[in-house]
Amino acid sequence: MSKLTIDLPEQRRRALKAAAARRGVTITHLIEESLRLNGIRTDEEISNLMERLRRQ
């Protein structure tokens, strides 16, 4: 897994950390989930989705 540095306002960082803690997940997991929910997919995820659609 590669690393990415992002700049967030301190309030946003605290809110993100608190949300992850409430759910019992890592910040990385929360960000990954948010990306998926916003339609940001990897090439592999797109290929898998296309394959599933072809099989229907």
PDB file of N, CA and C in Angstrom:
ATOM      1  N   MET A   1       0.854  -1.167   0.000  1.00  0.00           N
ATOM      2  CA  MET A   1       0.000   0.000   0.000  1.00  0.00           C
ATOM      3  C   MET A   1       0.903   1.234   0.000  1.00  0.00           C
ATOM      4  N   SER A   2       0.547   2.202  -0.804  1.00  0.00           N
ATOM      5  CA  SER A   2       1.333   3.438  -0.847  1.00  0.00           C
ATOM      6  C   SER A   2       0.761   4.461   0.134  1.00  0.00           C
ATOM      7  N   LYS A   3       1.560   5.442   0.437  1.00  0.00           N
ATOM      8  CA  LYS A   3       1.144   6.493   1.375  1.00  0.00           C
ATOM      9  C   LYS A   3       0.783   7.756   0.610  1.00  0.00           C
ATOM     10  N   LEU A   4      -0.146   8.498   1.173  1.00  0.00           N
ATOM     11  CA  LEU A   4      -0.593   9.758   0.606  1.00  0.00           C
ATOM     12  C   LEU A   4      -0.704  10.761   1.744  1.00  0.00           C
ATOM     13  N   THR A   5      -0.165  11.927   1.533  1.00  0.00           N
ATOM     14  CA  THR A   5      -0.271  12.987   2.532  1.00  0.00           C
ATOM     15  C   THR A   5      -1.282  14.011   2.043  1.00  0.00           C
ATOM     16  N   ILE A   6      -2.241  14.342   2.894  1.00  0.00           N
ATOM     17  CA  ILE A   6      -3.222  15.372   2.547  1.00  0.00           C
ATOM     18  C   ILE A   6      -3.242  16.417   3.657  1.00  0.00           C
ATOM     19  N   ASP A   7      -3.549  17.621   3.286  1.00  0.00           N
ATOM     20  CA  ASP A   7      -3.676  18.710   4.252  1.00  0.00           C
ATOM     21  C   ASP A   7      -5.154  18.920   4.549  1.00  0.00           C
ATOM     22  N   LEU A   8      -5.501  18.827   5.818  1.00  0.00           N
ATOM     23  CA  LEU A   8      -6.871  19.052   6.263  1.00  0.00           C
ATOM     24  C   LEU A   8      -6.859  20.102   7.362  1.00  0.00           C
ATOM     25  N   PRO A   9      -7.933  20.877   7.440  1.00  0.00           N
ATOM     26  CA  PRO A   9      -8.051  21.760   8.599  1.00  0.00           C
ATOM     27  C   PRO A   9      -8.072  20.900   9.870  1.00  0.00           C
ATOM     28  N   GLU A  10      -7.538  21.422  10.941  1.00  0.00           N
ATOM     29  CA  GLU A  10      -7.447  20.657  12.192  1.00  0.00           C
ATOM     30  C   GLU A  10      -8.808  20.146  12.651  1.00  0.00           C
ATOM     31  N   GLN A  11      -9.848  20.942  12.498  1.00  0.00           N
ATOM     32  CA  GLN A  11     -11.189  20.489  12.902  1.00  0.00           C
ATOM     33  C   GLN A  11     -11.630  19.286  12.087  1.00  0.00           C
ATOM     34  N   ARG A  12     -11.338  19.286  10.791  1.00  0.00           N
ATOM     35  CA  ARG A  12     -11.716  18.163   9.924  1.00  0.00           C
ATOM     36  C   ARG A  12     -10.939  16.910  10.320  1.00  0.00           C
ATOM     37  N   ARG A  13      -9.648  17.066  10.631  1.00  0.00           N
ATOM     38  CA  ARG A  13      -8.832  15.928  11.042  1.00  0.00           C
ATOM     39  C   ARG A  13      -9.372  15.318  12.336  1.00  0.00           C
ATOM     40  N   ARG A  14      -9.729  16.167  13.286  1.00  0.00           N
ATOM     41  CA  ARG A  14     -10.282  15.671  14.550  1.00  0.00           C
ATOM     42  C   ARG A  14     -11.618  14.965  14.324  1.00  0.00           C
ATOM     43  N   ALA A  15     -12.449  15.533  13.456  1.00  0.00           N
ATOM     44  CA  ALA A  15     -13.745  14.917  13.162  1.00  0.00           C
ATOM     45  C   ALA A  15     -13.556  13.557  12.490  1.00  0.00           C
ATOM     46  N   LEU A  16     -12.603  13.465  11.588  1.00  0.00           N
ATOM     47  CA  LEU A  16     -12.313  12.204  10.903  1.00  0.00           C
ATOM     48  C   LEU A  16     -11.822  11.158  11.900  1.00  0.00           C
ATOM     49  N   LYS A  17     -10.915  11.550  12.770  1.00  0.00           N
ATOM     50  CA  LYS A  17     -10.380  10.642  13.785  1.00  0.00           C
ATOM     51  C   LYS A  17     -11.489  10.165  14.721  1.00  0.00           C
ATOM     52  N   ALA A  18     -12.357  11.076  15.138  1.00  0.00           N
ATOM     53  CA  ALA A  18     -13.461  10.723  16.036  1.00  0.00           C
ATOM     54  C   ALA A  18     -14.455   9.787  15.349  1.00  0.00           C
ATOM     55  N   ALA A  19     -14.766  10.051  14.087  1.00  0.00           N
ATOM     56  CA  ALA A  19     -15.702   9.196  13.351  1.00  0.00           C
ATOM     57  C   ALA A  19     -15.151   7.781  13.220  1.00  0.00           C
ATOM     58  N   ALA A  20     -13.877   7.669  12.918  1.00  0.00           N
ATOM     59  CA  ALA A  20     -13.250   6.350  12.808  1.00  0.00           C
ATOM     60  C   ALA A  20     -13.292   5.632  14.156  1.00  0.00           C
ATOM     61  N   ALA A  21     -12.996   6.348  15.228  1.00  0.00           N
ATOM     62  CA  ALA A  21     -13.010   5.741  16.563  1.00  0.00           C
ATOM     63  C   ALA A  21     -14.412   5.273  16.945  1.00  0.00           C
ATOM     64  N   ARG A  22     -15.421   6.081  16.656  1.00  0.00           N
ATOM     65  CA  ARG A  22     -16.812   5.698  16.973  1.00  0.00           C
ATOM     66  C   ARG A  22     -17.202   4.413  16.269  1.00  0.00           C
ATOM     67  N   ARG A  23     -16.736   4.259  15.038  1.00  0.00           N
ATOM     68  CA  ARG A  23     -17.089   3.073  14.252  1.00  0.00           C
ATOM     69  C   ARG A  23     -16.151   1.904  14.500  1.00  0.00           C
ATOM     70  N   GLY A  24     -15.070   2.155  15.210  1.00  0.00           N
ATOM     71  CA  GLY A  24     -14.115   1.085  15.490  1.00  0.00           C
ATOM     72  C   GLY A  24     -13.315   0.671  14.270  1.00  0.00           C
ATOM     73  N   VAL A  25     -13.039   1.637  13.388  1.00  0.00           N
ATOM     74  CA  VAL A  25     -12.258   1.367  12.180  1.00  0.00           C
ATOM     75  C   VAL A  25     -11.099   2.351  12.116  1.00  0.00           C
ATOM     76  N   THR A  26     -10.188   2.097  11.200  1.00  0.00           N
ATOM     77  CA  THR A  26      -9.070   3.016  11.018  1.00  0.00           C
ATOM     78  C   THR A  26      -9.495   4.194  10.147  1.00  0.00           C
ATOM     79  N   ILE A  27      -8.720   5.252  10.220  1.00  0.00           N
ATOM     80  CA  ILE A  27      -8.955   6.393   9.334  1.00  0.00           C
ATOM     81  C   ILE A  27      -8.819   5.945   7.883  1.00  0.00           C
ATOM     82  N   THR A  28      -7.841   5.086   7.605  1.00  0.00           N
ATOM     83  CA  THR A  28      -7.659   4.566   6.246  1.00  0.00           C
ATOM     84  C   THR A  28      -8.922   3.868   5.767  1.00  0.00           C
ATOM     85  N   HIS A  29      -9.503   3.026   6.619  1.00  0.00           N
ATOM     86  CA  HIS A  29     -10.729   2.313   6.246  1.00  0.00           C
ATOM     87  C   HIS A  29     -11.856   3.299   5.951  1.00  0.00           C
ATOM     88  N   LEU A  30     -11.997   4.297   6.784  1.00  0.00           N
ATOM     89  CA  LEU A  30     -13.054   5.290   6.601  1.00  0.00           C
ATOM     90  C   LEU A  30     -12.877   6.048   5.286  1.00  0.00           C
ATOM     91  N   ILE A  31     -11.649   6.406   4.959  1.00  0.00           N
ATOM     92  CA  ILE A  31     -11.383   7.106   3.702  1.00  0.00           C
ATOM     93  C   ILE A  31     -11.636   6.186   2.514  1.00  0.00           C
ATOM     94  N   GLU A  32     -11.182   4.926   2.595  1.00  0.00           N
ATOM     95  CA  GLU A  32     -11.432   3.958   1.512  1.00  0.00           C
ATOM     96  C   GLU A  32     -12.932   3.807   1.260  1.00  0.00           C
ATOM     97  N   GLU A  33     -13.698   3.671   2.337  1.00  0.00           N
ATOM     98  CA  GLU A  33     -15.147   3.528   2.222  1.00  0.00           C
ATOM     99  C   GLU A  33     -15.766   4.775   1.580  1.00  0.00           C
ATOM    100  N   SER A  34     -15.309   5.934   1.989  1.00  0.00           N
ATOM    101  CA  SER A  34     -15.822   7.187   1.427  1.00  0.00           C
ATOM    102  C   SER A  34     -15.524   7.286  -0.064  1.00  0.00           C
ATOM    103  N   LEU A  35     -14.337   6.875  -0.460  1.00  0.00           N
ATOM    104  CA  LEU A  35     -13.985   6.897  -1.882  1.00  0.00           C
ATOM    105  C   LEU A  35     -14.898   5.970  -2.676  1.00  0.00           C
ATOM    106  N   ARG A  36     -15.117   4.751  -2.169  1.00  0.00           N
ATOM    107  CA  ARG A  36     -16.005   3.810  -2.862  1.00  0.00           C
ATOM    108  C   ARG A  36     -17.418   4.375  -2.968  1.00  0.00           C
ATOM    109  N   LEU A  37     -17.920   4.955  -1.874  1.00  0.00           N
ATOM    110  CA  LEU A  37     -19.274   5.507  -1.876  1.00  0.00           C
ATOM    111  C   LEU A  37     -19.418   6.687  -2.835  1.00  0.00           C
ATOM    112  N   ASN A  38     -18.313   7.328  -3.158  1.00  0.00           N
ATOM    113  CA  ASN A  38     -18.327   8.450  -4.094  1.00  0.00           C
ATOM    114  C   ASN A  38     -17.962   8.028  -5.509  1.00  0.00           C
ATOM    115  N   GLY A  39     -17.946   6.719  -5.753  1.00  0.00           N
ATOM    116  CA  GLY A  39     -17.752   6.215  -7.104  1.00  0.00           C
ATOM    117  C   GLY A  39     -16.314   6.169  -7.575  1.00  0.00           C
ATOM    118  N   ILE A  40     -15.367   6.305  -6.682  1.00  0.00           N
ATOM    119  CA  ILE A  40     -13.960   6.263  -7.074  1.00  0.00           C
ATOM    120  C   ILE A  40     -13.501   4.820  -6.952  1.00  0.00           C
ATOM    121  N   ARG A  41     -13.264   4.195  -8.097  1.00  0.00           N
ATOM    122  CA  ARG A  41     -12.937   2.774  -8.157  1.00  0.00           C
ATOM    123  C   ARG A  41     -11.564   2.556  -8.773  1.00  0.00           C
ATOM    124  N   THR A  42     -10.919   1.454  -8.369  1.00  0.00           N
ATOM    125  CA  THR A  42      -9.658   1.061  -8.996  1.00  0.00           C
ATOM    126  C   THR A  42      -9.972   0.372 -10.321  1.00  0.00           C
ATOM    127  N   ASP A  43      -8.967   0.246 -11.167  1.00  0.00           N
ATOM    128  CA  ASP A  43      -9.150  -0.472 -12.428  1.00  0.00           C
ATOM    129  C   ASP A  43      -9.619  -1.898 -12.163  1.00  0.00           C
ATOM    130  N   GLU A  44      -9.070  -2.530 -11.135  1.00  0.00           N
ATOM    131  CA  GLU A  44      -9.459  -3.900 -10.797  1.00  0.00           C
ATOM    132  C   GLU A  44     -10.927  -3.969 -10.382  1.00  0.00           C
ATOM    133  N   GLU A  45     -11.380  -3.025  -9.576  1.00  0.00           N
ATOM    134  CA  GLU A  45     -12.785  -3.005  -9.163  1.00  0.00           C
ATOM    135  C   GLU A  45     -13.708  -2.813 -10.364  1.00  0.00           C
ATOM    136  N   ILE A  46     -13.318  -1.962 -11.292  1.00  0.00           N
ATOM    137  CA  ILE A  46     -14.120  -1.738 -12.497  1.00  0.00           C
ATOM    138  C   ILE A  46     -14.176  -3.004 -13.335  1.00  0.00           C
ATOM    139  N   SER A  47     -13.033  -3.669 -13.505  1.00  0.00           N
ATOM    140  CA  SER A  47     -12.993  -4.918 -14.276  1.00  0.00           C
ATOM    141  C   SER A  47     -13.886  -5.975 -13.644  1.00  0.00           C
ATOM    142  N   ASN A  48     -13.816  -6.109 -12.316  1.00  0.00           N
ATOM    143  CA  ASN A  48     -14.659  -7.086 -11.623  1.00  0.00           C
ATOM    144  C   ASN A  48     -16.135  -6.758 -11.791  1.00  0.00           C
ATOM    145  N   LEU A  49     -16.482  -5.496 -11.705  1.00  0.00           N
ATOM    146  CA  LEU A  49     -17.866  -5.079 -11.890  1.00  0.00           C
ATOM    147  C   LEU A  49     -18.342  -5.391 -13.300  1.00  0.00           C
ATOM    148  N   MET A  50     -17.516  -5.084 -14.291  1.00  0.00           N
ATOM    149  CA  MET A  50     -17.885  -5.362 -15.685  1.00  0.00           C
ATOM    150  C   MET A  50     -18.073  -6.861 -15.903  1.00  0.00           C
ATOM    151  N   GLU A  51     -17.212  -7.672 -15.316  1.00  0.00           N
ATOM    152  CA  GLU A  51     -17.332  -9.126 -15.447  1.00  0.00           C
ATOM    153  C   GLU A  51     -18.634  -9.623 -14.831  1.00  0.00           C
ATOM    154  N   ARG A  52     -18.983  -9.107 -13.658  1.00  0.00           N
ATOM    155  CA  ARG A  52     -20.249  -9.506 -13.024  1.00  0.00           C
ATOM    156  C   ARG A  52     -21.445  -9.098 -13.880  1.00  0.00           C
ATOM    157  N   LEU A  53     -21.382  -7.920 -14.486  1.00  0.00           N
ATOM    158  CA  LEU A  53     -22.483  -7.463 -15.336  1.00  0.00           C
ATOM    159  C   LEU A  53     -22.620  -8.328 -16.580  1.00  0.00           C
ATOM    160  N   ARG A  54     -21.495  -8.754 -17.144  1.00  0.00           N
ATOM    161  CA  ARG A  54     -21.540  -9.621 -18.330  1.00  0.00           C
ATOM    162  C   ARG A  54     -22.197 -10.958 -18.023  1.00  0.00           C
ATOM    163  N   ARG A  55     -22.029 -11.437 -16.808  1.00  0.00           N
ATOM    164  CA  ARG A  55     -22.561 -12.748 -16.421  1.00  0.00           C
ATOM    165  C   ARG A  55     -24.063 -12.721 -16.165  1.00  0.00           C
ATOM    166  N   GLN A  56     -24.638 -11.554 -16.035  1.00  0.00           N
ATOM    167  CA  GLN A  56     -26.080 -11.461 -15.734  1.00  0.00           C
ATOM    168  C   GLN A  56     -26.914 -11.720 -16.950  1.00  0.00           C
TER     169      GLN A  56
END
